[in-house]
Amino acid sequence: MSEKVRDRKNHWRAITVAFRASPEENELLNRKVYICGITKQQYIIDRLLEDKVRVVVNRKVLNRLSERLAVLTDTIHTALQAGTLDDVSADELKFILNILKEIQREEEKFK
C-alpha cells in the first residue's frame, strides 16, 4: 500500500469532490492551471478556499506565460478587428495580466 500524501497544511485529502463544467469552462480552467504550474486540484482548492492562486514562478511558468500571451495577442488582435472576442480568450488574458501585476508587485518589494 502506498504512503498517504498530505497537503502543505498536513491535511490528508480523503474526500472526492466533483462538479460539472461546460467544454469552454473546462478549457479555460485547464489553461489557467497550465499557466500557474500547479495541479488542477491545488488550483481549485486555492481559488475556492483561499480566494487566491499560487503561481510557481520559474522559467517553465514564465515560458508558458510568454507562449500564451503571444497566442492571445494574435487572437485578440484578429478578434478586435472582426468584433468577435470570445469570453475564454478575454478571461485568460485578464488572468495572465493579474499574474503579471502580482509578479511586478513582488519584484517592487525587493527593490
PDB file of N, CA and C in Angstrom:
ATOM      1  N   MET A   1       0.847  -1.178   0.000  1.00  0.00           N
ATOM      2  CA  MET A   1       0.000   0.000   0.000  1.00  0.00           C
ATOM      3  C   MET A   1       0.888   1.236   0.000  1.00  0.00           C
ATOM      4  N   SER A   2       0.514   2.242  -0.777  1.00  0.00           N
ATOM      5  CA  SER A   2       1.327   3.453  -0.847  1.00  0.00           C
ATOM      6  C   SER A   2       1.112   4.332   0.383  1.00  0.00           C
ATOM      7  N   GLU A   3       2.097   5.181   0.615  1.00  0.00           N
ATOM      8  CA  GLU A   3       2.047   6.085   1.758  1.00  0.00           C
ATOM      9  C   GLU A   3       1.022   7.181   1.498  1.00  0.00           C
ATOM     10  N   LYS A   4       0.297   7.598   2.556  1.00  0.00           N
ATOM     11  CA  LYS A   4      -0.688   8.659   2.427  1.00  0.00           C
ATOM     12  C   LYS A   4       0.031   9.977   2.187  1.00  0.00           C
ATOM     13  N   VAL A   5      -0.484  10.735   1.242  1.00  0.00           N
ATOM     14  CA  VAL A   5       0.120  12.022   0.908  1.00  0.00           C
ATOM     15  C   VAL A   5      -0.692  13.118   1.586  1.00  0.00           C
ATOM     16  N   ARG A   6       0.007  14.027   2.224  1.00  0.00           N
ATOM     17  CA  ARG A   6      -0.652  15.130   2.924  1.00  0.00           C
ATOM     18  C   ARG A   6      -0.350  16.439   2.212  1.00  0.00           C
ATOM     19  N   ASP A   7      -1.245  17.412   2.357  1.00  0.00           N
ATOM     20  CA  ASP A   7      -1.029  18.712   1.731  1.00  0.00           C
ATOM     21  C   ASP A   7      -0.084  19.553   2.572  1.00  0.00           C
ATOM     22  N   ARG A   8       0.124  20.833   2.168  1.00  0.00           N
ATOM     23  CA  ARG A   8       1.099  21.688   2.858  1.00  0.00           C
ATOM     24  C   ARG A   8       0.670  22.061   4.277  1.00  0.00           C
ATOM     25  N   LYS A   9      -0.599  21.838   4.629  1.00  0.00           N
ATOM     26  CA  LYS A   9      -1.078  22.088   5.987  1.00  0.00           C
ATOM     27  C   LYS A   9      -1.225  20.793   6.778  1.00  0.00           C
ATOM     28  N   ASN A  10      -0.609  19.728   6.260  1.00  0.00           N
ATOM     29  CA  ASN A  10      -0.623  18.411   6.888  1.00  0.00           C
ATOM     30  C   ASN A  10      -2.020  17.790   6.960  1.00  0.00           C
ATOM     31  N   HIS A  11      -2.870  18.126   5.991  1.00  0.00           N
ATOM     32  CA  HIS A  11      -4.190  17.514   5.907  1.00  0.00           C
ATOM     33  C   HIS A  11      -4.132  16.340   4.946  1.00  0.00           C
ATOM     34  N   TRP A  12      -4.799  15.259   5.323  1.00  0.00           N
ATOM     35  CA  TRP A  12      -4.893  14.122   4.423  1.00  0.00           C
ATOM     36  C   TRP A  12      -6.185  14.278   3.636  1.00  0.00           C
ATOM     37  N   ARG A  13      -6.078  14.300   2.337  1.00  0.00           N
ATOM     38  CA  ARG A  13      -7.243  14.527   1.476  1.00  0.00           C
ATOM     39  C   ARG A  13      -7.883  13.200   1.100  1.00  0.00           C
ATOM     40  N   ALA A  14      -8.949  12.862   1.819  1.00  0.00           N
ATOM     41  CA  ALA A  14      -9.610  11.579   1.614  1.00  0.00           C
ATOM     42  C   ALA A  14     -10.978  11.728   0.949  1.00  0.00           C
ATOM     43  N   ILE A  15     -11.440  12.947   0.737  1.00  0.00           N
ATOM     44  CA  ILE A  15     -12.763  13.182   0.183  1.00  0.00           C
ATOM     45  C   ILE A  15     -12.632  13.597  -1.286  1.00  0.00           C
ATOM     46  N   THR A  16     -13.495  13.035  -2.129  1.00  0.00           N
ATOM     47  CA  THR A  16     -13.524  13.421  -3.538  1.00  0.00           C
ATOM     48  C   THR A  16     -14.673  14.389  -3.748  1.00  0.00           C
ATOM     49  N   VAL A  17     -14.393  15.509  -4.401  1.00  0.00           N
ATOM     50  CA  VAL A  17     -15.411  16.499  -4.732  1.00  0.00           C
ATOM     51  C   VAL A  17     -15.430  16.615  -6.258  1.00  0.00           C
ATOM     52  N   ALA A  18     -16.613  16.548  -6.839  1.00  0.00           N
ATOM     53  CA  ALA A  18     -16.718  16.619  -8.296  1.00  0.00           C
ATOM     54  C   ALA A  18     -17.793  17.622  -8.676  1.00  0.00           C
ATOM     55  N   PHE A  19     -17.662  18.176  -9.876  1.00  0.00           N
ATOM     56  CA  PHE A  19     -18.659  19.104 -10.383  1.00  0.00           C
ATOM     57  C   PHE A  19     -18.650  19.054 -11.905  1.00  0.00           C
ATOM     58  N   ARG A  20     -19.692  19.569 -12.504  1.00  0.00           N
ATOM     59  CA  ARG A  20     -19.812  19.590 -13.957  1.00  0.00           C
ATOM     60  C   ARG A  20     -19.376  20.949 -14.486  1.00  0.00           C
ATOM     61  N   ALA A  21     -18.820  20.949 -15.694  1.00  0.00           N
ATOM     62  CA  ALA A  21     -18.409  22.184 -16.355  1.00  0.00           C
ATOM     63  C   ALA A  21     -18.670  22.051 -17.851  1.00  0.00           C
ATOM     64  N   SER A  22     -18.891  23.172 -18.497  1.00  0.00           N
ATOM     65  CA  SER A  22     -19.057  23.158 -19.951  1.00  0.00           C
ATOM     66  C   SER A  22     -17.686  22.943 -20.588  1.00  0.00           C
ATOM     67  N   PRO A  23     -17.636  22.569 -21.849  1.00  0.00           N
ATOM     68  CA  PRO A  23     -16.343  22.419 -22.522  1.00  0.00           C
ATOM     69  C   PRO A  23     -15.517  23.716 -22.487  1.00  0.00           C
ATOM     70  N   GLU A  24     -16.192  24.866 -22.629  1.00  0.00           N
ATOM     71  CA  GLU A  24     -15.492  26.149 -22.598  1.00  0.00           C
ATOM     72  C   GLU A  24     -14.913  26.429 -21.205  1.00  0.00           C
ATOM     73  N   GLU A  25     -15.693  26.140 -20.172  1.00  0.00           N
ATOM     74  CA  GLU A  25     -15.212  26.340 -18.801  1.00  0.00           C
ATOM     75  C   GLU A  25     -14.035  25.411 -18.506  1.00  0.00           C
ATOM     76  N   ASN A  26     -14.132  24.177 -18.972  1.00  0.00           N
ATOM     77  CA  ASN A  26     -13.045  23.219 -18.767  1.00  0.00           C
ATOM     78  C   ASN A  26     -11.777  23.675 -19.483  1.00  0.00           C
ATOM     79  N   GLU A  27     -11.933  24.191 -20.700  1.00  0.00           N
ATOM     80  CA  GLU A  27     -10.784  24.676 -21.459  1.00  0.00           C
ATOM     81  C   GLU A  27     -10.102  25.840 -20.730  1.00  0.00           C
ATOM     82  N   LEU A  28     -10.887  26.786 -20.234  1.00  0.00           N
ATOM     83  CA  LEU A  28     -10.331  27.932 -19.517  1.00  0.00           C
ATOM     84  C   LEU A  28      -9.663  27.474 -18.218  1.00  0.00           C
ATOM     85  N   LEU A  29     -10.302  26.565 -17.492  1.00  0.00           N
ATOM     86  CA  LEU A  29      -9.718  26.036 -16.263  1.00  0.00           C
ATOM     87  C   LEU A  29      -8.381  25.364 -16.548  1.00  0.00           C
ATOM     88  N   ASN A  30      -8.331  24.544 -17.576  1.00  0.00           N
ATOM     89  CA  ASN A  30      -7.082  23.864 -17.929  1.00  0.00           C
ATOM     90  C   ASN A  30      -5.988  24.848 -18.323  1.00  0.00           C
ATOM     91  N   ARG A  31      -6.352  25.911 -19.037  1.00  0.00           N
ATOM     92  CA  ARG A  31      -5.361  26.923 -19.416  1.00  0.00           C
ATOM     93  C   ARG A  31      -4.804  27.635 -18.190  1.00  0.00           C
ATOM     94  N   LYS A  32      -5.686  27.992 -17.253  1.00  0.00           N
ATOM     95  CA  LYS A  32      -5.240  28.683 -16.042  1.00  0.00           C
ATOM     96  C   LYS A  32      -4.336  27.784 -15.200  1.00  0.00           C
ATOM     97  N   VAL A  33      -4.701  26.528 -15.083  1.00  0.00           N
ATOM     98  CA  VAL A  33      -3.882  25.573 -14.325  1.00  0.00           C
ATOM     99  C   VAL A  33      -2.512  25.422 -14.985  1.00  0.00           C
ATOM    100  N   TYR A  34      -2.497  25.299 -16.298  1.00  0.00           N
ATOM    101  CA  TYR A  34      -1.251  25.153 -17.056  1.00  0.00           C
ATOM    102  C   TYR A  34      -0.335  26.352 -16.829  1.00  0.00           C
ATOM    103  N   ILE A  35      -0.900  27.547 -16.890  1.00  0.00           N
ATOM    104  CA  ILE A  35      -0.114  28.762 -16.706  1.00  0.00           C
ATOM    105  C   ILE A  35       0.479  28.838 -15.303  1.00  0.00           C
ATOM    106  N   CYS A  36      -0.284  28.447 -14.291  1.00  0.00           N
ATOM    107  CA  CYS A  36       0.170  28.555 -12.894  1.00  0.00           C
ATOM    108  C   CYS A  36       1.270  27.563 -12.538  1.00  0.00           C
ATOM    109  N   GLY A  37       1.313  26.435 -13.201  1.00  0.00           N
ATOM    110  CA  GLY A  37       2.334  25.444 -12.897  1.00  0.00           C
ATOM    111  C   GLY A  37       2.045  24.626 -11.651  1.00  0.00           C
ATOM    112  N   ILE A  38       0.771  24.552 -11.261  1.00  0.00           N
ATOM    113  CA  ILE A  38       0.380  23.723 -10.120  1.00  0.00           C
ATOM    114  C   ILE A  38      -0.668  22.720 -10.604  1.00  0.00           C
ATOM    115  N   THR A  39      -1.063  21.809  -9.726  1.00  0.00           N
ATOM    116  CA  THR A  39      -2.058  20.821 -10.126  1.00  0.00           C
ATOM    117  C   THR A  39      -3.442  21.455 -10.193  1.00  0.00           C
ATOM    118  N   LYS A  40      -4.323  20.821 -10.944  1.00  0.00           N
ATOM    119  CA  LYS A  40      -5.706  21.305 -11.035  1.00  0.00           C
ATOM    120  C   LYS A  40      -6.356  21.273  -9.654  1.00  0.00           C
ATOM    121  N   GLN A  41      -6.104  20.214  -8.901  1.00  0.00           N
ATOM    122  CA  GLN A  41      -6.657  20.095  -7.552  1.00  0.00           C
ATOM    123  C   GLN A  41      -6.221  21.270  -6.692  1.00  0.00           C
ATOM    124  N   GLN A  42      -4.933  21.589  -6.705  1.00  0.00           N
ATOM    125  CA  GLN A  42      -4.434  22.681  -5.869  1.00  0.00           C
ATOM    126  C   GLN A  42      -4.973  24.023  -6.339  1.00  0.00           C
ATOM    127  N   TYR A  43      -5.089  24.204  -7.656  1.00  0.00           N
ATOM    128  CA  TYR A  43      -5.647  25.447  -8.195  1.00  0.00           C
ATOM    129  C   TYR A  43      -7.076  25.654  -7.694  1.00  0.00           C
ATOM    130  N   ILE A  44      -7.901  24.631  -7.808  1.00  0.00           N
ATOM    131  CA  ILE A  44      -9.308  24.741  -7.406  1.00  0.00           C
ATOM    132  C   ILE A  44      -9.425  24.989  -5.908  1.00  0.00           C
ATOM    133  N   ILE A  45      -8.670  24.275  -5.109  1.00  0.00           N
ATOM    134  CA  ILE A  45      -8.714  24.471  -3.659  1.00  0.00           C
ATOM    135  C   ILE A  45      -8.265  25.883  -3.295  1.00  0.00           C
ATOM    136  N   ASP A  46      -7.180  26.353  -3.902  1.00  0.00           N
ATOM    137  CA  ASP A  46      -6.693  27.711  -3.625  1.00  0.00           C
ATOM    138  C   ASP A  46      -7.750  28.753  -3.968  1.00  0.00           C
ATOM    139  N   ARG A  47      -8.389  28.609  -5.123  1.00  0.00           N
ATOM    140  CA  ARG A  47      -9.396  29.586  -5.550  1.00  0.00           C
ATOM    141  C   ARG A  47     -10.635  29.554  -4.654  1.00  0.00           C
ATOM    142  N   LEU A  48     -11.073  28.377  -4.293  1.00  0.00           N
ATOM    143  CA  LEU A  48     -12.304  28.270  -3.519  1.00  0.00           C
ATOM    144  C   LEU A  48     -12.118  28.611  -2.045  1.00  0.00           C
ATOM    145  N   LEU A  49     -11.080  28.108  -1.447  1.00  0.00           N
ATOM    146  CA  LEU A  49     -10.923  28.271  -0.005  1.00  0.00           C
ATOM    147  C   LEU A  49     -10.111  29.494   0.394  1.00  0.00           C
ATOM    148  N   GLU A  50      -9.170  29.881  -0.427  1.00  0.00           N
ATOM    149  CA  GLU A  50      -8.293  30.985  -0.053  1.00  0.00           C
ATOM    150  C   GLU A  50      -8.493  32.202  -0.939  1.00  0.00           C
ATOM    151  N   ASP A  51      -9.324  32.098  -1.962  1.00  0.00           N
ATOM    152  CA  ASP A  51      -9.602  33.171  -2.912  1.00  0.00           C
ATOM    153  C   ASP A  51      -8.332  33.801  -3.467  1.00  0.00           C
ATOM    154  N   LYS A  52      -7.367  32.966  -3.724  1.00  0.00           N
ATOM    155  CA  LYS A  52      -6.118  33.395  -4.346  1.00  0.00           C
ATOM    156  C   LYS A  52      -5.542  32.198  -5.083  1.00  0.00           C
ATOM    157  N   VAL A  53      -4.549  32.442  -5.877  1.00  0.00           N
ATOM    158  CA  VAL A  53      -3.910  31.358  -6.610  1.00  0.00           C
ATOM    159  C   VAL A  53      -2.410  31.492  -6.450  1.00  0.00           C
ATOM    160  N   ARG A  54      -1.774  30.390  -6.080  1.00  0.00           N
ATOM    161  CA  ARG A  54      -0.315  30.369  -6.038  1.00  0.00           C
ATOM    162  C   ARG A  54       0.190  30.146  -7.445  1.00  0.00           C
ATOM    163  N   VAL A  55       1.233  30.861  -7.794  1.00  0.00           N
ATOM    164  CA  VAL A  55       1.879  30.643  -9.072  1.00  0.00           C
ATOM    165  C   VAL A  55       3.320  30.288  -8.771  1.00  0.00           C
ATOM    166  N   VAL A  56       3.751  29.176  -9.288  1.00  0.00           N
ATOM    167  CA  VAL A  56       5.127  28.759  -9.111  1.00  0.00           C
ATOM    168  C   VAL A  56       5.943  29.503 -10.167  1.00  0.00           C
ATOM    169  N   VAL A  57       6.643  30.556  -9.738  1.00  0.00           N
ATOM    170  CA  VAL A  57       7.379  31.373 -10.700  1.00  0.00           C
ATOM    171  C   VAL A  57       8.750  30.752 -10.935  1.00  0.00           C
ATOM    172  N   ASN A  58       8.882  30.176 -12.102  1.00  0.00           N
ATOM    173  CA  ASN A  58      10.158  29.613 -12.534  1.00  0.00           C
ATOM    174  C   ASN A  58      10.233  29.772 -14.050  1.00  0.00           C
ATOM    175  N   ARG A  59      11.289  29.344 -14.635  1.00  0.00           N
ATOM    176  CA  ARG A  59      11.493  29.521 -16.073  1.00  0.00           C
ATOM    177  C   ARG A  59      10.360  28.882 -16.879  1.00  0.00           C
ATOM    178  N   LYS A  60       9.904  27.693 -16.467  1.00  0.00           N
ATOM    179  CA  LYS A  60       8.849  26.992 -17.192  1.00  0.00           C
ATOM    180  C   LYS A  60       7.546  27.807 -17.191  1.00  0.00           C
ATOM    181  N   VAL A  61       7.182  28.361 -16.038  1.00  0.00           N
ATOM    182  CA  VAL A  61       5.954  29.152 -15.940  1.00  0.00           C
ATOM    183  C   VAL A  61       6.083  30.443 -16.747  1.00  0.00           C
ATOM    184  N   LEU A  62       7.236  31.087 -16.679  1.00  0.00           N
ATOM    185  CA  LEU A  62       7.437  32.305 -17.468  1.00  0.00           C
ATOM    186  C   LEU A  62       7.359  32.012 -18.967  1.00  0.00           C
ATOM    187  N   ASN A  63       7.884  30.873 -19.382  1.00  0.00           N
ATOM    188  CA  ASN A  63       7.773  30.471 -20.791  1.00  0.00           C
ATOM    189  C   ASN A  63       6.317  30.229 -21.179  1.00  0.00           C
ATOM    190  N   ARG A  64       5.556  29.591 -20.270  1.00  0.00           N
ATOM    191  CA  ARG A  64       4.138  29.347 -20.531  1.00  0.00           C
ATOM    192  C   ARG A  64       3.384  30.674 -20.651  1.00  0.00           C
ATOM    193  N   LEU A  65       3.673  31.608 -19.747  1.00  0.00           N
ATOM    194  CA  LEU A  65       3.037  32.922 -19.808  1.00  0.00           C
ATOM    195  C   LEU A  65       3.340  33.604 -21.139  1.00  0.00           C
ATOM    196  N   SER A  66       4.603  33.587 -21.529  1.00  0.00           N
ATOM    197  CA  SER A  66       5.007  34.218 -22.790  1.00  0.00           C
ATOM    198  C   SER A  66       4.315  33.562 -23.981  1.00  0.00           C
ATOM    199  N   GLU A  67       4.281  32.235 -23.961  1.00  0.00           N
ATOM    200  CA  GLU A  67       3.657  31.479 -25.049  1.00  0.00           C
ATOM    201  C   GLU A  67       2.175  31.835 -25.179  1.00  0.00           C
ATOM    202  N   ARG A  68       1.452  31.779 -24.060  1.00  0.00           N
ATOM    203  CA  ARG A  68       0.017  32.060 -24.088  1.00  0.00           C
ATOM    204  C   ARG A  68      -0.265  33.519 -24.427  1.00  0.00           C
ATOM    205  N   LEU A  69       0.587  34.426 -23.931  1.00  0.00           N
ATOM    206  CA  LEU A  69       0.407  35.845 -24.217  1.00  0.00           C
ATOM    207  C   LEU A  69       0.591  36.125 -25.706  1.00  0.00           C
ATOM    208  N   ALA A  70       1.556  35.467 -26.321  1.00  0.00           N
ATOM    209  CA  ALA A  70       1.771  35.636 -27.766  1.00  0.00           C
ATOM    210  C   ALA A  70       0.562  35.139 -28.553  1.00  0.00           C
ATOM    211  N   VAL A  71       0.040  33.979 -28.181  1.00  0.00           N
ATOM    212  CA  VAL A  71      -1.134  33.425 -28.864  1.00  0.00           C
ATOM    213  C   VAL A  71      -2.341  34.337 -28.656  1.00  0.00           C
ATOM    214  N   LEU A  72      -2.534  34.778 -27.408  1.00  0.00           N
ATOM    215  CA  LEU A  72      -3.676  35.643 -27.108  1.00  0.00           C
ATOM    216  C   LEU A  72      -3.576  36.991 -27.821  1.00  0.00           C
ATOM    217  N   THR A  73      -2.379  37.517 -27.924  1.00  0.00           N
ATOM    218  CA  THR A  73      -2.193  38.792 -28.615  1.00  0.00           C
ATOM    219  C   THR A  73      -2.665  38.681 -30.059  1.00  0.00           C
ATOM    220  N   ASP A  74      -2.265  37.606 -30.727  1.00  0.00           N
ATOM    221  CA  ASP A  74      -2.710  37.383 -32.108  1.00  0.00           C
ATOM    222  C   ASP A  74      -4.218  37.176 -32.171  1.00  0.00           C
ATOM    223  N   THR A  75      -4.749  36.358 -31.262  1.00  0.00           N
ATOM    224  CA  THR A  75      -6.183  36.063 -31.238  1.00  0.00           C
ATOM    225  C   THR A  75      -6.995  37.324 -30.990  1.00  0.00           C
ATOM    226  N   ILE A  76      -6.555  38.109 -30.011  1.00  0.00           N
ATOM    227  CA  ILE A  76      -7.302  39.312 -29.652  1.00  0.00           C
ATOM    228  C   ILE A  76      -7.218  40.357 -30.766  1.00  0.00           C
ATOM    229  N   HIS A  77      -6.056  40.498 -31.356  1.00  0.00           N
ATOM    230  CA  HIS A  77      -5.905  41.456 -32.456  1.00  0.00           C
ATOM    231  C   HIS A  77      -6.872  41.111 -33.595  1.00  0.00           C
ATOM    232  N   THR A  78      -6.917  39.851 -33.961  1.00  0.00           N
ATOM    233  CA  THR A  78      -7.818  39.400 -35.027  1.00  0.00           C
ATOM    234  C   THR A  78      -9.278  39.571 -34.611  1.00  0.00           C
ATOM    235  N   ALA A  79      -9.588  39.205 -33.369  1.00  0.00           N
ATOM    236  CA  ALA A  79     -10.970  39.286 -32.882  1.00  0.00           C
ATOM    237  C   ALA A  79     -11.447  40.731 -32.779  1.00  0.00           C
ATOM    238  N   LEU A  80     -10.568  41.632 -32.356  1.00  0.00           N
ATOM    239  CA  LEU A  80     -10.956  43.036 -32.255  1.00  0.00           C
ATOM    240  C   LEU A  80     -11.245  43.618 -33.631  1.00  0.00           C
ATOM    241  N   GLN A  81     -10.465  43.215 -34.629  1.00  0.00           N
ATOM    242  CA  GLN A  81     -10.723  43.686 -35.996  1.00  0.00           C
ATOM    243  C   GLN A  81     -12.071  43.176 -36.501  1.00  0.00           C
ATOM    244  N   ALA A  82     -12.390  41.942 -36.143  1.00  0.00           N
ATOM    245  CA  ALA A  82     -13.657  41.350 -36.583  1.00  0.00           C
ATOM    246  C   ALA A  82     -14.804  41.676 -35.628  1.00  0.00           C
ATOM    247  N   GLY A  83     -14.483  42.166 -34.429  1.00  0.00           N
ATOM    248  CA  GLY A  83     -15.508  42.474 -33.434  1.00  0.00           C
ATOM    249  C   GLY A  83     -16.085  41.248 -32.760  1.00  0.00           C
ATOM    250  N   THR A  84     -15.266  40.177 -32.661  1.00  0.00           N
ATOM    251  CA  THR A  84     -15.745  38.915 -32.074  1.00  0.00           C
ATOM    252  C   THR A  84     -14.731  38.346 -31.093  1.00  0.00           C
ATOM    253  N   LEU A  85     -14.581  38.962 -29.950  1.00  0.00           N
ATOM    254  CA  LEU A  85     -13.668  38.454 -28.918  1.00  0.00           C
ATOM    255  C   LEU A  85     -14.429  37.464 -28.046  1.00  0.00           C
ATOM    256  N   ASP A  86     -13.962  36.216 -27.981  1.00  0.00           N
ATOM    257  CA  ASP A  86     -14.672  35.217 -27.186  1.00  0.00           C
ATOM    258  C   ASP A  86     -14.334  35.366 -25.700  1.00  0.00           C
ATOM    259  N   ASP A  87     -15.255  34.890 -24.855  1.00  0.00           N
ATOM    260  CA  ASP A  87     -15.116  35.033 -23.402  1.00  0.00           C
ATOM    261  C   ASP A  87     -13.909  34.290 -22.852  1.00  0.00           C
ATOM    262  N   VAL A  88     -13.598  33.122 -23.421  1.00  0.00           N
ATOM    263  CA  VAL A  88     -12.468  32.324 -22.927  1.00  0.00           C
ATOM    264  C   VAL A  88     -11.166  33.091 -23.103  1.00  0.00           C
ATOM    265  N   SER A  89     -10.954  33.680 -24.262  1.00  0.00           N
ATOM    266  CA  SER A  89      -9.728  34.447 -24.506  1.00  0.00           C
ATOM    267  C   SER A  89      -9.667  35.676 -23.622  1.00  0.00           C
ATOM    268  N   ALA A  90     -10.775  36.374 -23.456  1.00  0.00           N
ATOM    269  CA  ALA A  90     -10.805  37.569 -22.616  1.00  0.00           C
ATOM    270  C   ALA A  90     -10.510  37.215 -21.163  1.00  0.00           C
ATOM    271  N   ASP A  91     -11.113  36.145 -20.651  1.00  0.00           N
ATOM    272  CA  ASP A  91     -10.873  35.721 -19.273  1.00  0.00           C
ATOM    273  C   ASP A  91      -9.430  35.279 -19.072  1.00  0.00           C
ATOM    274  N   GLU A  92      -8.881  34.551 -20.033  1.00  0.00           N
ATOM    275  CA  GLU A  92      -7.496  34.099 -19.914  1.00  0.00           C
ATOM    276  C   GLU A  92      -6.535  35.286 -19.925  1.00  0.00           C
ATOM    277  N   LEU A  93      -6.811  36.275 -20.761  1.00  0.00           N
ATOM    278  CA  LEU A  93      -5.968  37.464 -20.817  1.00  0.00           C
ATOM    279  C   LEU A  93      -6.005  38.212 -19.481  1.00  0.00           C
ATOM    280  N   LYS A  94      -7.183  38.385 -18.905  1.00  0.00           N
ATOM    281  CA  LYS A  94      -7.304  39.037 -17.594  1.00  0.00           C
ATOM    282  C   LYS A  94      -6.503  38.271 -16.544  1.00  0.00           C
ATOM    283  N   PHE A  95      -6.586  36.950 -16.581  1.00  0.00           N
ATOM    284  CA  PHE A  95      -5.870  36.105 -15.629  1.00  0.00           C
ATOM    285  C   PHE A  95      -4.364  36.306 -15.752  1.00  0.00           C
ATOM    286  N   ILE A  96      -3.849  36.301 -16.972  1.00  0.00           N
ATOM    287  CA  ILE A  96      -2.416  36.485 -17.206  1.00  0.00           C
ATOM    288  C   ILE A  96      -1.974  37.871 -16.749  1.00  0.00           C
ATOM    289  N   LEU A  97      -2.778  38.885 -17.054  1.00  0.00           N
ATOM    290  CA  LEU A  97      -2.426  40.239 -16.639  1.00  0.00           C
ATOM    291  C   LEU A  97      -2.393  40.368 -15.115  1.00  0.00           C
ATOM    292  N   ASN A  98      -3.312  39.703 -14.423  1.00  0.00           N
ATOM    293  CA  ASN A  98      -3.293  39.715 -12.955  1.00  0.00           C
ATOM    294  C   ASN A  98      -2.032  39.048 -12.414  1.00  0.00           C
ATOM    295  N   ILE A  99      -1.626  37.956 -13.025  1.00  0.00           N
ATOM    296  CA  ILE A  99      -0.399  37.274 -12.595  1.00  0.00           C
ATOM    297  C   ILE A  99       0.802  38.194 -12.803  1.00  0.00           C
ATOM    298  N   LEU A 100       0.868  38.844 -13.965  1.00  0.00           N
ATOM    299  CA  LEU A 100       1.987  39.741 -14.247  1.00  0.00           C
ATOM    300  C   LEU A 100       2.011  40.921 -13.277  1.00  0.00           C
ATOM    301  N   LYS A 101       0.849  41.467 -12.920  1.00  0.00           N
ATOM    302  CA  LYS A 101       0.781  42.549 -11.933  1.00  0.00           C
ATOM    303  C   LYS A 101       1.297  42.076 -10.580  1.00  0.00           C
ATOM    304  N   GLU A 102       0.911  40.869 -10.193  1.00  0.00           N
ATOM    305  CA  GLU A 102       1.356  40.327  -8.906  1.00  0.00           C
ATOM    306  C   GLU A 102       2.863  40.100  -8.895  1.00  0.00           C
ATOM    307  N   ILE A 103       3.410  39.601  -9.989  1.00  0.00           N
ATOM    308  CA  ILE A 103       4.860  39.414 -10.096  1.00  0.00           C
ATOM    309  C   ILE A 103       5.559  40.764  -9.989  1.00  0.00           C
ATOM    310  N   GLN A 104       4.994  41.780 -10.633  1.00  0.00           N
ATOM    311  CA  GLN A 104       5.577  43.121 -10.572  1.00  0.00           C
ATOM    312  C   GLN A 104       5.550  43.662  -9.139  1.00  0.00           C
ATOM    313  N   ARG A 105       4.436  43.461  -8.420  1.00  0.00           N
ATOM    314  CA  ARG A 105       4.348  43.892  -7.013  1.00  0.00           C
ATOM    315  C   ARG A 105       5.401  43.198  -6.154  1.00  0.00           C
ATOM    316  N   GLU A 106       5.577  41.904  -6.388  1.00  0.00           N
ATOM    317  CA  GLU A 106       6.569  41.153  -5.617  1.00  0.00           C
ATOM    318  C   GLU A 106       7.981  41.650  -5.901  1.00  0.00           C
ATOM    319  N   GLU A 107       8.263  41.966  -7.166  1.00  0.00           N
ATOM    320  CA  GLU A 107       9.588  42.481  -7.525  1.00  0.00           C
ATOM    321  C   GLU A 107       9.841  43.835  -6.868  1.00  0.00           C
ATOM    322  N   GLU A 108       8.820  44.684  -6.768  1.00  0.00           N
ATOM    323  CA  GLU A 108       8.964  46.004  -6.160  1.00  0.00           C
ATOM    324  C   GLU A 108       9.279  45.903  -4.675  1.00  0.00           C
ATOM    325  N   LYS A 109       8.834  44.849  -4.016  1.00  0.00           N
ATOM    326  CA  LYS A 109       9.134  44.660  -2.590  1.00  0.00           C
ATOM    327  C   LYS A 109      10.623  44.480  -2.359  1.00  0.00           C
ATOM    328  N   PHE A 110      11.320  43.903  -3.343  1.00  0.00           N
ATOM    329  CA  PHE A 110      12.735  43.606  -3.180  1.00  0.00           C
ATOM    330  C   PHE A 110      13.630  44.728  -3.670  1.00  0.00           C
ATOM    331  N   LYS A 111      13.077  45.820  -4.144  1.00  0.00           N
ATOM    332  CA  LYS A 111      13.892  46.950  -4.627  1.00  0.00           C
ATOM    333  C   LYS A 111      14.202  47.909  -3.519  1.00  0.00           C
TER     334      LYS A 111
END
